[in-house]
Amino acid sequence: MTTIGILECGRNKPEWIAKHGGFADWFPPLLHPVDPDLAFRVWRVVDGELPDAPDACDAWLLTGSPASTYQNAPWQDALSRFVIAAREHRPLVGICYGHQHLHAALGGQVAKAPYWGAGITRYTIDRQPAWLQHAGEEPAPDVFSLIALHQDQVTVPAPGTQVLASSPDCPLAVTMIGPNILTFQPHPEMTPAQVTEIYDLHRQDMGEDIWRRAQASLDGPRNQQLAARWIVDFIRSDPAPFRQPQSSGDQA
């Protein structure tokens, strides 16, 4: 059995918990249809909880959050130290804020985008990873249609990044950092019922045009199970851990 450690980076609004659950609650329903045997453990890193060891689970998943990576709160600094250690032991997956945090922690940069990313968005798949179980089959999917909800985005990728999917407004939408980190800027785990309320909450900040387009898009098709398949296949592939480059040093 594979156990995924969910590192919960944000809190849902208390009045939404009963209806929608917390951020970590959204991932088992996304991933279990692909692999019903997955197990999950949750650490609320936003509240200062962290695993005792970087190999305590078989893989790590960083959730979304309303926070910005550049706030540099104590819990964010502690999470950065943890993921730097964890990438030498286990695969990591980052979703939205988690995607941004992994890039920022590993040498990239995150900043506010000119305008919100919102609505069901089409991302062109630029590269088919070799670890996909359907790799080599025809026709290979060429697009993700997934829910976007972000004001920040990665502007400079971490060293060793490969871009797997992109859109004109989000050129670093799905990435790999080195051999064992997979990141998504969009939200495969979110549903229209959840996100419509969040869009309403941020209507004034988004601006009326973006809000209207985002809400109107929610009746459109999504292929969140394709994203789930990517996440599960990536973890199942048991990618090699990151290794620090060896310093050659001076020869006497």
Protein backbone atom coordinates (compact mmCIF):
# COMPACT_ATOMS: atom_id res chain seq x y z
CA MET A 1 0.00 0.00 0.00
CA THR A 2 1.25 3.46 -0.93
CA THR A 3 0.80 6.19 1.68
CA ILE A 4 0.69 9.80 0.55
CA GLY A 5 1.47 12.40 3.20
CA ILE A 6 -0.70 15.46 2.59
CA LEU A 7 0.94 18.69 3.76
CA GLU A 8 -2.04 21.00 4.24
CA CYS A 9 -0.91 24.54 3.52
CA GLY A 10 -4.17 26.43 4.07
CA ARG A 11 -7.44 26.49 6.01
CA ASN A 12 -10.86 26.51 4.43
CA LYS A 13 -13.35 29.06 5.76
CA PRO A 14 -15.08 27.61 8.86
CA GLU A 15 -18.53 28.08 7.36
CA TRP A 16 -17.55 25.97 4.34
CA ILE A 17 -16.06 23.02 6.24
CA ALA A 18 -19.33 21.15 6.78
CA LYS A 19 -20.25 21.37 3.10
CA HIS A 20 -16.89 21.13 1.38
CA GLY A 21 -14.33 19.89 3.91
CA GLY A 22 -10.80 21.12 4.36
CA PHE A 23 -8.08 21.41 1.73
CA ALA A 24 -6.64 17.97 2.45
CA ASP A 25 -10.08 16.33 2.23
CA TRP A 26 -10.32 16.92 -1.52
CA PHE A 27 -7.46 14.64 -2.56
CA PRO A 28 -8.66 11.14 -1.64
CA PRO A 29 -11.82 11.56 -3.81
CA LEU A 30 -9.59 12.72 -6.67
CA LEU A 31 -7.00 9.94 -6.45
CA HIS A 32 -8.94 6.91 -5.17
CA PRO A 33 -10.74 6.29 -8.50
CA VAL A 34 -7.29 5.74 -10.03
CA ASP A 35 -5.91 3.69 -7.14
CA PRO A 36 -8.40 2.63 -4.42
CA ASP A 37 -5.57 1.22 -2.30
CA LEU A 38 -3.92 4.56 -1.66
CA ALA A 39 -3.68 5.59 1.98
CA PHE A 40 -3.36 9.15 3.25
CA ARG A 41 -1.96 10.91 6.31
CA VAL A 42 -2.41 14.64 6.93
CA TRP A 43 -0.14 17.21 8.55
CA ARG A 44 -1.53 20.74 8.95
CA VAL A 45 1.68 22.55 8.16
CA VAL A 46 -0.12 25.90 8.21
CA ASP A 47 -0.59 25.24 11.94
CA GLY A 48 3.02 24.23 12.48
CA GLU A 49 2.66 20.46 12.07
CA LEU A 50 5.37 18.67 10.11
CA PRO A 51 6.34 15.01 9.75
CA ASP A 52 9.12 13.75 11.99
CA ALA A 53 11.12 12.43 9.03
CA PRO A 54 11.25 13.08 5.27
CA ASP A 55 10.70 9.37 4.57
CA ALA A 56 7.72 8.93 6.92
CA CYS A 57 5.41 8.44 3.89
CA ASP A 58 5.92 7.06 0.38
CA ALA A 59 5.22 10.44 -1.25
CA TRP A 60 4.34 13.98 -0.23
CA LEU A 61 1.63 16.29 -1.57
CA LEU A 62 1.49 20.04 -0.88
CA THR A 63 -2.02 21.52 -1.09
CA GLY A 64 -3.32 24.87 -2.13
CA SER A 65 -3.49 27.84 0.21
CA PRO A 66 -4.69 31.46 0.25
CA ALA A 67 -1.17 32.40 1.42
CA SER A 68 1.56 33.81 -0.79
CA THR A 69 4.97 32.15 -0.76
CA TYR A 70 6.77 35.48 -0.38
CA GLN A 71 5.10 36.17 2.99
CA ASN A 72 7.85 34.04 4.56
CA ALA A 73 5.81 33.09 7.61
CA PRO A 74 7.51 30.71 10.08
CA TRP A 75 5.43 27.74 8.89
CA GLN A 76 6.46 28.48 5.30
CA ASP A 77 10.15 28.59 6.18
CA ALA A 78 9.79 25.29 8.06
CA LEU A 79 7.99 23.73 5.09
CA SER A 80 10.77 24.87 2.77
CA ARG A 81 13.36 23.17 4.96
CA PHE A 82 11.27 20.01 4.98
CA VAL A 83 10.80 19.78 1.20
CA ILE A 84 14.49 20.45 0.58
CA ALA A 85 15.24 17.42 2.74
CA ALA A 86 12.33 15.33 1.47
CA ARG A 87 13.28 15.54 -2.20
CA GLU A 88 16.36 13.46 -1.38
CA HIS A 89 14.09 10.64 -0.18
CA ARG A 90 10.60 10.71 -1.71
CA PRO A 91 8.58 12.03 -4.67
CA LEU A 92 6.69 15.28 -4.08
CA VAL A 93 3.59 16.73 -5.73
CA GLY A 94 2.51 20.36 -5.44
CA ILE A 95 -0.92 21.77 -6.28
CA CYS A 96 -1.46 25.54 -6.83
CA TYR A 97 0.17 27.06 -3.75
CA GLY A 98 2.11 23.81 -3.36
CA HIS A 99 3.39 24.20 -6.93
CA GLN A 100 4.49 27.76 -6.16
CA HIS A 101 6.06 26.84 -2.83
CA LEU A 102 8.15 24.05 -4.31
CA HIS A 103 9.51 26.34 -7.03
CA ALA A 104 10.23 29.14 -4.55
CA ALA A 105 11.87 26.82 -2.00
CA LEU A 106 14.11 25.30 -4.65
CA GLY A 107 15.41 28.49 -6.26
CA GLY A 108 12.57 29.86 -8.38
CA GLN A 109 10.50 33.02 -7.98
CA VAL A 110 6.79 33.67 -7.44
CA ALA A 111 4.96 36.97 -7.94
CA LYS A 112 1.48 38.36 -8.41
CA ALA A 113 0.19 37.84 -11.94
CA PRO A 114 -1.25 40.82 -13.85
CA TYR A 115 -4.73 39.40 -13.26
CA TRP A 116 -6.37 36.40 -11.62
CA GLY A 117 -6.26 32.94 -13.12
CA ALA A 118 -9.85 31.75 -12.78
CA GLY A 119 -12.35 29.45 -14.44
CA ILE A 120 -11.95 26.14 -16.22
CA THR A 121 -8.83 26.69 -18.29
CA ARG A 122 -7.28 24.74 -21.15
CA TYR A 123 -3.60 23.91 -20.75
CA THR A 124 -1.70 22.48 -23.70
CA ILE A 125 0.28 19.36 -22.83
CA ASP A 126 3.73 20.18 -24.19
CA ARG A 127 5.50 17.01 -23.11
CA GLN A 128 4.30 13.47 -22.35
CA PRO A 129 6.37 12.13 -19.45
CA ALA A 130 7.87 8.67 -19.89
CA TRP A 131 6.39 7.52 -16.56
CA LEU A 132 2.81 7.78 -17.79
CA GLN A 133 1.29 4.31 -18.08
CA HIS A 134 -0.44 5.31 -21.32
CA ALA A 135 2.82 6.70 -22.77
CA GLY A 136 3.19 5.55 -26.36
CA GLU A 137 -0.53 4.89 -26.82
CA GLU A 138 -2.44 6.78 -29.49
CA PRO A 139 -4.02 9.20 -29.37
CA ALA A 140 -2.27 10.72 -26.38
CA PRO A 141 -4.23 13.48 -24.59
CA ASP A 142 -3.04 16.89 -25.68
CA VAL A 143 -4.80 19.17 -23.19
CA PHE A 144 -5.78 19.53 -19.54
CA SER A 145 -9.04 21.38 -18.81
CA LEU A 146 -8.86 22.19 -15.11
CA ILE A 147 -10.10 24.72 -12.58
CA ALA A 148 -7.83 27.72 -12.08
CA LEU A 149 -7.85 29.82 -8.92
CA HIS A 150 -4.75 31.89 -8.32
CA GLN A 151 -3.50 35.42 -8.15
CA ASP A 152 0.19 34.50 -7.79
CA GLN A 153 2.16 32.34 -10.18
CA VAL A 154 5.69 31.13 -10.78
CA THR A 155 7.63 33.71 -12.81
CA VAL A 156 11.08 32.08 -12.67
CA PRO A 157 11.16 28.28 -12.44
CA ALA A 158 13.41 26.39 -10.06
CA PRO A 159 16.62 25.05 -11.63
CA GLY A 160 16.11 21.72 -13.35
CA THR A 161 12.48 22.44 -14.34
CA GLN A 162 10.78 20.83 -17.33
CA VAL A 163 7.49 22.32 -18.52
CA LEU A 164 4.88 19.63 -19.14
CA ALA A 165 1.82 21.82 -19.80
CA SER A 166 1.17 25.52 -20.33
CA SER A 167 -1.31 28.17 -21.36
CA PRO A 168 -0.73 31.64 -22.82
CA ASP A 169 -1.36 33.24 -19.42
CA CYS A 170 0.37 30.53 -17.36
CA PRO A 171 3.47 29.27 -19.15
CA LEU A 172 4.54 27.13 -16.15
CA ALA A 173 1.22 25.38 -15.52
CA VAL A 174 2.42 21.80 -15.02
CA THR A 175 6.08 21.13 -14.36
CA MET A 176 8.65 18.69 -13.11
CA ILE A 177 11.51 19.91 -10.95
CA GLY A 178 14.37 17.47 -11.23
CA PRO A 179 13.52 13.76 -11.29
CA ASN A 180 10.99 13.50 -8.45
CA ILE A 181 8.80 16.61 -8.15
CA LEU A 182 5.56 17.09 -10.11
CA THR A 183 3.61 20.35 -9.83
CA PHE A 184 0.26 21.70 -11.05
CA GLN A 185 -0.74 25.36 -10.94
CA PRO A 186 -4.43 24.50 -11.56
CA HIS A 187 -6.67 22.60 -9.15
CA PRO A 188 -7.63 19.08 -10.29
CA GLU A 189 -8.97 18.39 -6.79
CA MET A 190 -11.53 21.22 -6.71
CA THR A 191 -15.13 20.98 -7.91
CA PRO A 192 -17.35 23.67 -9.45
CA ALA A 193 -19.56 23.58 -6.33
CA GLN A 194 -16.55 24.50 -4.18
CA VAL A 195 -14.93 27.05 -6.41
CA THR A 196 -18.05 29.01 -7.34
CA GLU A 197 -18.28 30.20 -3.74
CA ILE A 198 -14.61 31.14 -3.70
CA TYR A 199 -15.02 33.12 -6.92
CA ASP A 200 -17.94 34.98 -5.32
CA LEU A 201 -15.78 35.75 -2.29
CA HIS A 202 -13.11 37.31 -4.51
CA ARG A 203 -15.45 38.92 -7.05
CA GLN A 204 -14.36 42.48 -6.29
CA ASP A 205 -10.65 41.59 -6.33
CA MET A 206 -10.97 39.66 -9.59
CA GLY A 207 -12.95 42.30 -11.40
CA GLU A 208 -16.36 41.80 -12.94
CA ASP A 209 -15.23 40.55 -16.36
CA ILE A 210 -12.93 37.84 -14.97
CA TRP A 211 -15.54 36.82 -12.38
CA ARG A 212 -18.29 36.48 -15.02
CA ARG A 213 -16.10 34.46 -17.38
CA ALA A 214 -14.91 32.22 -14.55
CA GLN A 215 -18.42 31.49 -13.31
CA ALA A 216 -19.73 30.88 -16.84
CA SER A 217 -16.92 28.40 -17.52
CA LEU A 218 -17.88 26.08 -14.66
CA ASP A 219 -20.46 24.22 -16.76
CA GLY A 220 -17.72 23.21 -19.19
CA PRO A 221 -15.87 19.90 -19.39
CA ARG A 222 -13.02 19.08 -17.05
CA ASN A 223 -10.56 16.20 -17.22
CA GLN A 224 -9.48 16.08 -13.59
CA GLN A 225 -9.15 12.31 -13.80
CA LEU A 226 -6.41 12.73 -16.39
CA ALA A 227 -4.54 14.88 -13.86
CA ALA A 228 -5.23 12.26 -11.17
CA ARG A 229 -3.77 9.60 -13.46
CA TRP A 230 -0.66 11.71 -13.96
CA ILE A 231 -0.22 12.12 -10.18
CA VAL A 232 -0.72 8.44 -9.42
CA ASP A 233 1.45 7.24 -12.31
CA PHE A 234 4.19 9.64 -11.23
CA ILE A 235 4.16 8.33 -7.66
CA ARG A 236 3.92 4.70 -8.79
CA SER A 237 6.92 5.17 -11.06
CA ASP A 238 9.09 5.49 -7.92
CA PRO A 239 11.22 8.28 -9.38
CA ALA A 240 14.85 8.49 -8.39
CA PRO A 241 15.41 10.94 -5.52
CA PHE A 242 17.22 14.20 -6.07
CA ARG A 243 20.93 13.99 -5.49
CA GLN A 244 23.09 17.00 -4.71
CA PRO A 245 25.84 17.38 -7.32
CA GLN A 246 29.19 16.22 -6.06
CA SER A 247 31.87 18.88 -5.76
CA SER A 248 34.98 17.83 -7.67
CA GLY A 249 37.29 19.78 -5.34
CA ASP A 250 40.96 20.38 -5.95
CA GLN A 251 43.21 17.46 -6.64
CA ALA A 252 46.46 17.52 -4.67
